[in-house]
Amino acid sequence: MVDAADAALRFLRALKRLPTYTGIVFHGLPTGSGLSSARWTHGVTATSNDPHIATENFWTLAVAAIVSRTGRDIAAFSAHPAEQEILLSPEVVLLEVARTALPDGRPVVIVEQLAESDPSASLPPTLDELVSHVQQLLRASLESPPAPVTTPGEFVEPLFFLDDA
């Protein structure tokens, strides 16, 4: 019999061996609520480089654009590499830093992972530039064709630290 706790620990150790991914990733949200404060994540969070994938072709009520600093790109190991999946490990601290909206008014919550910055990463240097960059990424994605949804629900789930109100 497989010990689930041992398997989870082995998975997390293997995940930490992968190179870190710094950049903007996306996650679909079933609500448009915001953070009440910085929160630790409890489990692995699936995100994607592609907003179409992360939102199942923009059907979610809101979008989280996350500044990943320690994510892990698992596309090379995925059964569906086109999902461009970046995993965020448990116990990362996320903080809402800004809000914007899709053209139809649905909220986009911009969340930053609080971790040491990689000096070689090419993230926008100011908050205004970050918001503008996220808007550009979303506009480009909205103008591109829909993506096949290969694993429904994988990237679309509530993040525990988002308020329901």
C-alpha atoms as a PDB file:
ATOM      1  CA  MET A   1       0.000   0.000   0.000  1.00  0.00           C
ATOM      2  CA  VAL A   2       1.214   3.508  -0.847  1.00  0.00           C
ATOM      3  CA  ASP A   3       1.664   5.884   2.056  1.00  0.00           C
ATOM      4  CA  ALA A   4      -0.023   9.111   0.877  1.00  0.00           C
ATOM      5  CA  ALA A   5       2.013  11.359   3.188  1.00  0.00           C
ATOM      6  CA  ASP A   6       5.275   9.805   2.015  1.00  0.00           C
ATOM      7  CA  ALA A   7       4.228  10.096  -1.643  1.00  0.00           C
ATOM      8  CA  ALA A   8       3.335  13.776  -1.128  1.00  0.00           C
ATOM      9  CA  LEU A   9       6.713  14.482   0.481  1.00  0.00           C
ATOM     10  CA  ARG A  10       8.545  12.727  -2.363  1.00  0.00           C
ATOM     11  CA  PHE A  11       6.516  14.756  -4.884  1.00  0.00           C
ATOM     12  CA  LEU A  12       7.343  18.053  -3.150  1.00  0.00           C
ATOM     13  CA  ARG A  13      11.064  17.161  -2.926  1.00  0.00           C
ATOM     14  CA  ALA A  14      11.073  16.350  -6.652  1.00  0.00           C
ATOM     15  CA  LEU A  15       9.239  19.603  -7.410  1.00  0.00           C
ATOM     16  CA  LYS A  16      11.887  21.617  -5.535  1.00  0.00           C
ATOM     17  CA  ARG A  17      14.603  20.118  -7.766  1.00  0.00           C
ATOM     18  CA  LEU A  18      13.107  21.809 -10.820  1.00  0.00           C
ATOM     19  CA  PRO A  19      14.328  25.291 -11.737  1.00  0.00           C
ATOM     20  CA  THR A  20      12.246  28.157 -10.399  1.00  0.00           C
ATOM     21  CA  TYR A  21       9.928  30.024 -12.708  1.00  0.00           C
ATOM     22  CA  THR A  22       9.624  33.787 -12.378  1.00  0.00           C
ATOM     23  CA  GLY A  23       6.893  35.479 -14.391  1.00  0.00           C
ATOM     24  CA  ILE A  24       3.193  36.177 -14.694  1.00  0.00           C
ATOM     25  CA  VAL A  25       0.948  33.107 -14.467  1.00  0.00           C
ATOM     26  CA  PHE A  26      -2.830  32.830 -14.413  1.00  0.00           C
ATOM     27  CA  HIS A  27      -5.477  30.991 -12.415  1.00  0.00           C
ATOM     28  CA  GLY A  28      -9.239  31.082 -12.931  1.00  0.00           C
ATOM     29  CA  LEU A  29     -11.390  32.195 -10.018  1.00  0.00           C
ATOM     30  CA  PRO A  30     -15.035  31.328  -9.342  1.00  0.00           C
ATOM     31  CA  THR A  31     -15.525  34.677  -7.534  1.00  0.00           C
ATOM     32  CA  GLY A  32     -14.131  38.190  -7.909  1.00  0.00           C
ATOM     33  CA  SER A  33     -13.329  38.668  -4.240  1.00  0.00           C
ATOM     34  CA  GLY A  34     -10.057  40.120  -3.050  1.00  0.00           C
ATOM     35  CA  LEU A  35      -7.522  39.292  -0.422  1.00  0.00           C
ATOM     36  CA  SER A  36      -8.084  40.382   3.124  1.00  0.00           C
ATOM     37  CA  SER A  37      -4.319  40.258   3.764  1.00  0.00           C
ATOM     38  CA  ALA A  38      -1.248  38.326   2.701  1.00  0.00           C
ATOM     39  CA  ARG A  39      -1.949  34.610   3.039  1.00  0.00           C
ATOM     40  CA  TRP A  40       0.013  31.397   3.019  1.00  0.00           C
ATOM     41  CA  THR A  41      -1.145  28.784   0.549  1.00  0.00           C
ATOM     42  CA  HIS A  42      -1.854  25.359   2.000  1.00  0.00           C
ATOM     43  CA  GLY A  43      -1.539  23.173  -1.067  1.00  0.00           C
ATOM     44  CA  VAL A  44      -0.057  23.067  -4.527  1.00  0.00           C
ATOM     45  CA  THR A  45      -1.678  25.654  -6.801  1.00  0.00           C
ATOM     46  CA  ALA A  46      -1.980  24.915 -10.525  1.00  0.00           C
ATOM     47  CA  THR A  47      -1.443  27.932 -12.768  1.00  0.00           C
ATOM     48  CA  SER A  48      -0.791  28.378 -16.476  1.00  0.00           C
ATOM     49  CA  ASN A  49       1.155  30.781 -18.659  1.00  0.00           C
ATOM     50  CA  ASP A  50      -1.913  30.846 -20.914  1.00  0.00           C
ATOM     51  CA  PRO A  51      -4.956  32.772 -19.629  1.00  0.00           C
ATOM     52  CA  HIS A  52      -7.205  30.705 -21.940  1.00  0.00           C
ATOM     53  CA  ILE A  53      -6.087  27.506 -20.206  1.00  0.00           C
ATOM     54  CA  ALA A  54      -6.252  29.005 -16.704  1.00  0.00           C
ATOM     55  CA  THR A  55      -9.806  30.291 -17.166  1.00  0.00           C
ATOM     56  CA  GLU A  56     -11.129  27.524 -19.420  1.00  0.00           C
ATOM     57  CA  ASN A  57     -11.478  30.054 -22.239  1.00  0.00           C
ATOM     58  CA  PHE A  58     -12.498  32.974 -20.047  1.00  0.00           C
ATOM     59  CA  TRP A  59     -15.663  31.444 -18.606  1.00  0.00           C
ATOM     60  CA  THR A  60     -14.592  32.113 -14.984  1.00  0.00           C
ATOM     61  CA  LEU A  61     -16.082  34.981 -12.997  1.00  0.00           C
ATOM     62  CA  ALA A  62     -12.609  36.417 -12.325  1.00  0.00           C
ATOM     63  CA  VAL A  63      -8.940  35.926 -13.161  1.00  0.00           C
ATOM     64  CA  ALA A  64      -5.924  35.858 -10.865  1.00  0.00           C
ATOM     65  CA  ALA A  65      -2.726  37.117 -12.484  1.00  0.00           C
ATOM     66  CA  ILE A  66       0.025  35.930 -10.159  1.00  0.00           C
ATOM     67  CA  VAL A  67       3.598  37.183 -10.095  1.00  0.00           C
ATOM     68  CA  SER A  68       5.343  33.854  -9.567  1.00  0.00           C
ATOM     69  CA  ARG A  69       8.827  33.959  -8.069  1.00  0.00           C
ATOM     70  CA  THR A  70       9.281  30.302  -7.106  1.00  0.00           C
ATOM     71  CA  GLY A  71       6.848  28.422  -9.349  1.00  0.00           C
ATOM     72  CA  ARG A  72       7.958  25.276 -11.137  1.00  0.00           C
ATOM     73  CA  ASP A  73       7.354  24.673 -14.840  1.00  0.00           C
ATOM     74  CA  ILE A  74       6.126  21.086 -15.141  1.00  0.00           C
ATOM     75  CA  ALA A  75       5.120  21.155 -18.839  1.00  0.00           C
ATOM     76  CA  ALA A  76       7.921  18.749 -19.767  1.00  0.00           C
ATOM     77  CA  PHE A  77       6.482  16.144 -17.381  1.00  0.00           C
ATOM     78  CA  SER A  78       2.813  16.748 -18.080  1.00  0.00           C
ATOM     79  CA  ALA A  79       0.391  14.500 -19.920  1.00  0.00           C
ATOM     80  CA  HIS A  80      -0.827  17.793 -21.457  1.00  0.00           C
ATOM     81  CA  PRO A  81       2.252  19.984 -22.120  1.00  0.00           C
ATOM     82  CA  ALA A  82       0.139  22.535 -24.024  1.00  0.00           C
ATOM     83  CA  GLU A  83      -1.400  23.534 -20.678  1.00  0.00           C
ATOM     84  CA  GLN A  84       1.896  25.335 -19.914  1.00  0.00           C
ATOM     85  CA  GLU A  85       1.443  24.460 -16.255  1.00  0.00           C
ATOM     86  CA  ILE A  86       3.401  26.216 -13.546  1.00  0.00           C
ATOM     87  CA  LEU A  87       2.924  24.805 -10.043  1.00  0.00           C
ATOM     88  CA  LEU A  88       3.143  26.978  -6.959  1.00  0.00           C
ATOM     89  CA  SER A  89       4.350  25.005  -3.967  1.00  0.00           C
ATOM     90  CA  PRO A  90       2.501  24.949  -0.672  1.00  0.00           C
ATOM     91  CA  GLU A  91       3.268  27.640   1.867  1.00  0.00           C
ATOM     92  CA  VAL A  92       4.001  30.528  -0.476  1.00  0.00           C
ATOM     93  CA  VAL A  93       2.770  33.941   0.610  1.00  0.00           C
ATOM     94  CA  LEU A  94       0.482  35.729  -1.829  1.00  0.00           C
ATOM     95  CA  LEU A  95      -0.672  39.336  -1.574  1.00  0.00           C
ATOM     96  CA  GLU A  96      -3.156  41.227  -3.736  1.00  0.00           C
ATOM     97  CA  VAL A  97      -1.323  44.261  -5.119  1.00  0.00           C
ATOM     98  CA  ALA A  98      -3.740  45.626  -7.728  1.00  0.00           C
ATOM     99  CA  ARG A  99      -6.973  45.118  -9.614  1.00  0.00           C
ATOM    100  CA  THR A 100      -7.956  45.662 -13.182  1.00  0.00           C
ATOM    101  CA  ALA A 101     -10.735  44.236 -15.336  1.00  0.00           C
ATOM    102  CA  LEU A 102     -11.401  42.331 -18.510  1.00  0.00           C
ATOM    103  CA  PRO A 103     -13.137  44.348 -21.262  1.00  0.00           C
ATOM    104  CA  ASP A 104     -16.503  42.958 -20.106  1.00  0.00           C
ATOM    105  CA  GLY A 105     -15.893  44.191 -16.547  1.00  0.00           C
ATOM    106  CA  ARG A 106     -14.989  40.895 -14.861  1.00  0.00           C
ATOM    107  CA  PRO A 107     -12.289  41.450 -12.245  1.00  0.00           C
ATOM    108  CA  VAL A 108      -8.637  40.615 -12.649  1.00  0.00           C
ATOM    109  CA  VAL A 109      -6.912  40.308  -9.279  1.00  0.00           C
ATOM    110  CA  ILE A 110      -3.160  40.866  -9.535  1.00  0.00           C
ATOM    111  CA  VAL A 111      -1.388  38.903  -6.832  1.00  0.00           C
ATOM    112  CA  GLU A 112       2.293  38.920  -5.994  1.00  0.00           C
ATOM    113  CA  GLN A 113       4.191  36.078  -4.442  1.00  0.00           C
ATOM    114  CA  LEU A 114       6.201  37.558  -1.593  1.00  0.00           C
ATOM    115  CA  ALA A 115       9.648  36.076  -2.054  1.00  0.00           C
ATOM    116  CA  GLU A 116      13.124  37.238  -2.887  1.00  0.00           C
ATOM    117  CA  SER A 117      13.320  38.684  -6.391  1.00  0.00           C
ATOM    118  CA  ASP A 118      15.469  37.078  -9.045  1.00  0.00           C
ATOM    119  CA  PRO A 119      17.655  39.911 -10.372  1.00  0.00           C
ATOM    120  CA  SER A 120      17.786  38.268 -13.804  1.00  0.00           C
ATOM    121  CA  ALA A 121      13.977  38.111 -14.116  1.00  0.00           C
ATOM    122  CA  SER A 122      12.320  40.521 -16.511  1.00  0.00           C
ATOM    123  CA  LEU A 123       9.291  41.574 -14.497  1.00  0.00           C
ATOM    124  CA  PRO A 124       7.867  45.085 -14.818  1.00  0.00           C
ATOM    125  CA  PRO A 125       9.669  47.355 -12.314  1.00  0.00           C
ATOM    126  CA  THR A 126       6.643  49.360 -11.128  1.00  0.00           C
ATOM    127  CA  LEU A 127       3.096  48.513 -10.130  1.00  0.00           C
ATOM    128  CA  ASP A 128       1.630  50.618 -12.957  1.00  0.00           C
ATOM    129  CA  GLU A 129       3.815  48.786 -15.477  1.00  0.00           C
ATOM    130  CA  LEU A 130       2.809  45.430 -13.959  1.00  0.00           C
ATOM    131  CA  VAL A 131      -0.891  46.258 -14.339  1.00  0.00           C
ATOM    132  CA  SER A 132      -0.283  47.406 -17.919  1.00  0.00           C
ATOM    133  CA  HIS A 133       1.682  44.235 -18.714  1.00  0.00           C
ATOM    134  CA  VAL A 134      -1.085  41.998 -17.300  1.00  0.00           C
ATOM    135  CA  GLN A 135      -3.673  43.910 -19.352  1.00  0.00           C
ATOM    136  CA  GLN A 136      -1.553  43.400 -22.502  1.00  0.00           C
ATOM    137  CA  LEU A 137      -1.210  39.665 -21.840  1.00  0.00           C
ATOM    138  CA  LEU A 138      -4.955  39.309 -21.314  1.00  0.00           C
ATOM    139  CA  ARG A 139      -5.830  41.385 -24.411  1.00  0.00           C
ATOM    140  CA  ALA A 140      -3.512  39.254 -26.550  1.00  0.00           C
ATOM    141  CA  SER A 141      -5.058  36.087 -25.154  1.00  0.00           C
ATOM    142  CA  LEU A 142      -8.614  37.323 -25.729  1.00  0.00           C
ATOM    143  CA  GLU A 143      -7.700  38.001 -29.371  1.00  0.00           C
ATOM    144  CA  SER A 144      -6.314  34.487 -29.857  1.00  0.00           C
ATOM    145  CA  PRO A 145      -8.397  31.380 -30.562  1.00  0.00           C
ATOM    146  CA  PRO A 146      -9.805  29.366 -27.643  1.00  0.00           C
ATOM    147  CA  ALA A 147      -7.669  26.570 -26.219  1.00  0.00           C
ATOM    148  CA  PRO A 148      -8.788  22.967 -25.776  1.00  0.00           C
ATOM    149  CA  VAL A 149      -9.771  22.233 -22.170  1.00  0.00           C
ATOM    150  CA  THR A 150      -7.990  18.950 -21.451  1.00  0.00           C
ATOM    151  CA  THR A 151      -8.348  18.816 -17.664  1.00  0.00           C
ATOM    152  CA  PRO A 152     -11.539  20.642 -16.638  1.00  0.00           C
ATOM    153  CA  GLY A 153     -11.330  22.315 -13.255  1.00  0.00           C
ATOM    154  CA  GLU A 154      -7.569  21.926 -12.809  1.00  0.00           C
ATOM    155  CA  PHE A 155      -6.825  25.646 -13.045  1.00  0.00           C
ATOM    156  CA  VAL A 156     -10.234  26.899 -11.908  1.00  0.00           C
ATOM    157  CA  GLU A 157     -10.793  26.620  -8.210  1.00  0.00           C
ATOM    158  CA  PRO A 158     -11.208  28.983  -5.317  1.00  0.00           C
ATOM    159  CA  LEU A 159      -8.052  30.134  -3.627  1.00  0.00           C
ATOM    160  CA  PHE A 160      -8.669  29.684   0.080  1.00  0.00           C
ATOM    161  CA  PHE A 161      -7.562  33.170   1.016  1.00  0.00           C
ATOM    162  CA  LEU A 162     -10.064  34.961  -1.192  1.00  0.00           C
ATOM    163  CA  ASP A 163     -13.098  36.312   0.644  1.00  0.00           C
ATOM    164  CA  ASP A 164     -16.498  35.179  -0.563  1.00  0.00           C
ATOM    165  CA  ALA A 165     -18.129  38.521   0.259  1.00  0.00           C
END
